[in-house]
C-alpha atoms as a PDB file:
ATOM      1  CA  MET A   1      81.262  70.944 165.484  1.00  0.00           C
ATOM      2  CA  ALA A   2      79.167  67.949 167.607  1.00  0.00           C
ATOM      3  CA  ALA A   3      81.409  66.187 168.624  1.00  0.00           C
ATOM      4  CA  LEU A   4      84.092  69.012 169.943  1.00  0.00           C
ATOM      5  CA  ARG A   5      81.419  70.425 172.330  1.00  0.00           C
ATOM      6  CA  ALA A   6      81.213  67.052 173.951  1.00  0.00           C
ATOM      7  CA  SER A   7      84.697  66.540 173.498  1.00  0.00           C
ATOM      8  CA  PHE A   8      85.344  69.591 175.625  1.00  0.00           C
ATOM      9  CA  ALA A   9      81.633  68.810 177.740  1.00  0.00           C
ATOM     10  CA  ARG A  10      82.883  65.326 178.551  1.00  0.00           C
ATOM     11  CA  CYS A  11      86.438  67.410 179.732  1.00  0.00           C
ATOM     12  CA  ASP A  12      84.914  69.461 182.304  1.00  0.00           C
ATOM     13  CA  THR A  13      82.594  66.690 183.735  1.00  0.00           C
ATOM     14  CA  ALA A  14      86.271  65.212 183.952  1.00  0.00           C
ATOM     15  CA  PHE A  15      88.383  68.475 185.638  1.00  0.00           C
ATOM     16  CA  ALA A  16      85.569  69.525 187.772  1.00  0.00           C
ATOM     17  CA  ALA A  17      85.805  65.844 189.595  1.00  0.00           C
ATOM     18  CA  VAL A  18      89.468  66.962 190.309  1.00  0.00           C
ATOM     19  CA  THR A  19      90.070  68.216 194.419  1.00  0.00           C
ATOM     20  CA  ASP A  20      93.095  68.728 195.891  1.00  0.00           C
ATOM     21  CA  ALA A  21      93.257  65.052 197.846  1.00  0.00           C
ATOM     22  CA  LYS A  22      92.903  63.604 194.163  1.00  0.00           C
ATOM     23  CA  LEU A  23      95.800  65.447 192.385  1.00  0.00           C
ATOM     24  CA  MET A  24      98.257  62.583 193.486  1.00  0.00           C
ATOM     25  CA  ASN A  25      96.271  59.710 192.767  1.00  0.00           C
ATOM     26  CA  GLN A  26      97.391  57.283 189.816  1.00  0.00           C
ATOM     27  CA  VAL A  27      95.849  56.732 186.339  1.00  0.00           C
ATOM     28  CA  SER A  28      96.802  55.793 183.059  1.00  0.00           C
ATOM     29  CA  TYR A  29      98.102  57.840 181.342  1.00  0.00           C
ATOM     30  CA  TYR A  30     100.555  57.639 177.763  1.00  0.00           C
ATOM     31  CA  GLY A  31     100.540  53.591 178.890  1.00  0.00           C
ATOM     32  CA  SER A  32     102.235  54.432 181.839  1.00  0.00           C
ATOM     33  CA  ASN A  33     101.066  55.419 185.947  1.00  0.00           C
ATOM     34  CA  SER A  34     100.927  59.026 186.193  1.00  0.00           C
ATOM     35  CA  PRO A  35      99.177  61.540 189.261  1.00  0.00           C
ATOM     36  CA  THR A  36      95.843  63.268 187.804  1.00  0.00           C
ATOM     37  CA  VAL A  37      98.352  66.748 188.444  1.00  0.00           C
ATOM     38  CA  SER A  38     100.709  65.172 185.713  1.00  0.00           C
ATOM     39  CA  LEU A  39      98.136  64.655 182.516  1.00  0.00           C
ATOM     40  CA  LEU A  40      96.195  68.259 184.143  1.00  0.00           C
ATOM     41  CA  PHE A  41      99.472  69.869 182.838  1.00  0.00           C
ATOM     42  CA  GLY A  42      99.397  67.470 179.885  1.00  0.00           C
ATOM     43  CA  ALA A  43      96.116  68.644 179.046  1.00  0.00           C
ATOM     44  CA  VAL A  44      96.954  72.100 179.414  1.00  0.00           C
ATOM     45  CA  PHE A  45      99.928  71.778 177.167  1.00  0.00           C
ATOM     46  CA  ASP A  46      98.536  70.346 174.404  1.00  0.00           C
ATOM     47  CA  TRP A  47      95.985  72.629 174.406  1.00  0.00           C
ATOM     48  CA  SER A  48      98.186  75.620 173.880  1.00  0.00           C
ATOM     49  CA  ASP A  49     100.342  73.346 171.848  1.00  0.00           C
ATOM     50  CA  HIS A  50      97.176  72.741 169.419  1.00  0.00           C
ATOM     51  CA  TYR A  51      95.917  76.662 169.374  1.00  0.00           C
ATOM     52  CA  ALA A  52      99.473  77.851 169.025  1.00  0.00           C
ATOM     53  CA  GLN A  53      99.486  75.186 165.395  1.00  0.00           C
ATOM     54  CA  GLU A  54      96.066  76.951 164.660  1.00  0.00           C
ATOM     55  CA  ALA A  55      97.626  80.238 165.061  1.00  0.00           C
ATOM     56  CA  ILE A  56     100.042  80.372 162.479  1.00  0.00           C
ATOM     57  CA  TYR A  57      98.224  78.157 159.819  1.00  0.00           C
ATOM     58  CA  LEU A  58      94.982  81.371 160.887  1.00  0.00           C
ATOM     59  CA  ARG A  59      98.288  83.934 160.309  1.00  0.00           C
ATOM     60  CA  LEU A  60     100.354  82.381 156.984  1.00  0.00           C
ATOM     61  CA  ASN A  61      96.454  82.508 155.443  1.00  0.00           C
ATOM     62  CA  GLY A  62      96.072  86.106 156.389  1.00  0.00           C
ATOM     63  CA  ILE A  63      94.142  86.017 158.987  1.00  0.00           C
ATOM     64  CA  LEU A  64      94.500  87.012 162.573  1.00  0.00           C
ATOM     65  CA  PRO A  65      93.372  84.279 165.352  1.00  0.00           C
ATOM     66  CA  PRO A  66      90.648  85.665 167.269  1.00  0.00           C
ATOM     67  CA  SER A  67      93.411  86.372 170.553  1.00  0.00           C
ATOM     68  CA  ALA A  68      95.286  89.401 168.772  1.00  0.00           C
ATOM     69  CA  ARG A  69      92.161  90.878 167.804  1.00  0.00           C
ATOM     70  CA  GLN A  70      91.449  94.022 169.602  1.00  0.00           C
ATOM     71  CA  GLY A  71      88.930  94.357 172.027  1.00  0.00           C
ATOM     72  CA  ASN A  72      89.882  90.694 173.619  1.00  0.00           C
END
């Protein structure tokens, strides 16, 4: 859990430093140069995919994912 929290904290710091003026700056992303905005969208898509996989795993094991529970 400590490593996961540290990972999210690092992302929070990095994402907070991005401004509109920096969105088109080129960064290395999966071995090629891409604009920063591509990395941001890629992160959101990747996190969504991981959450979907976890939600399916929970449901297959008879557990309702937290986001599907009443009151969320």
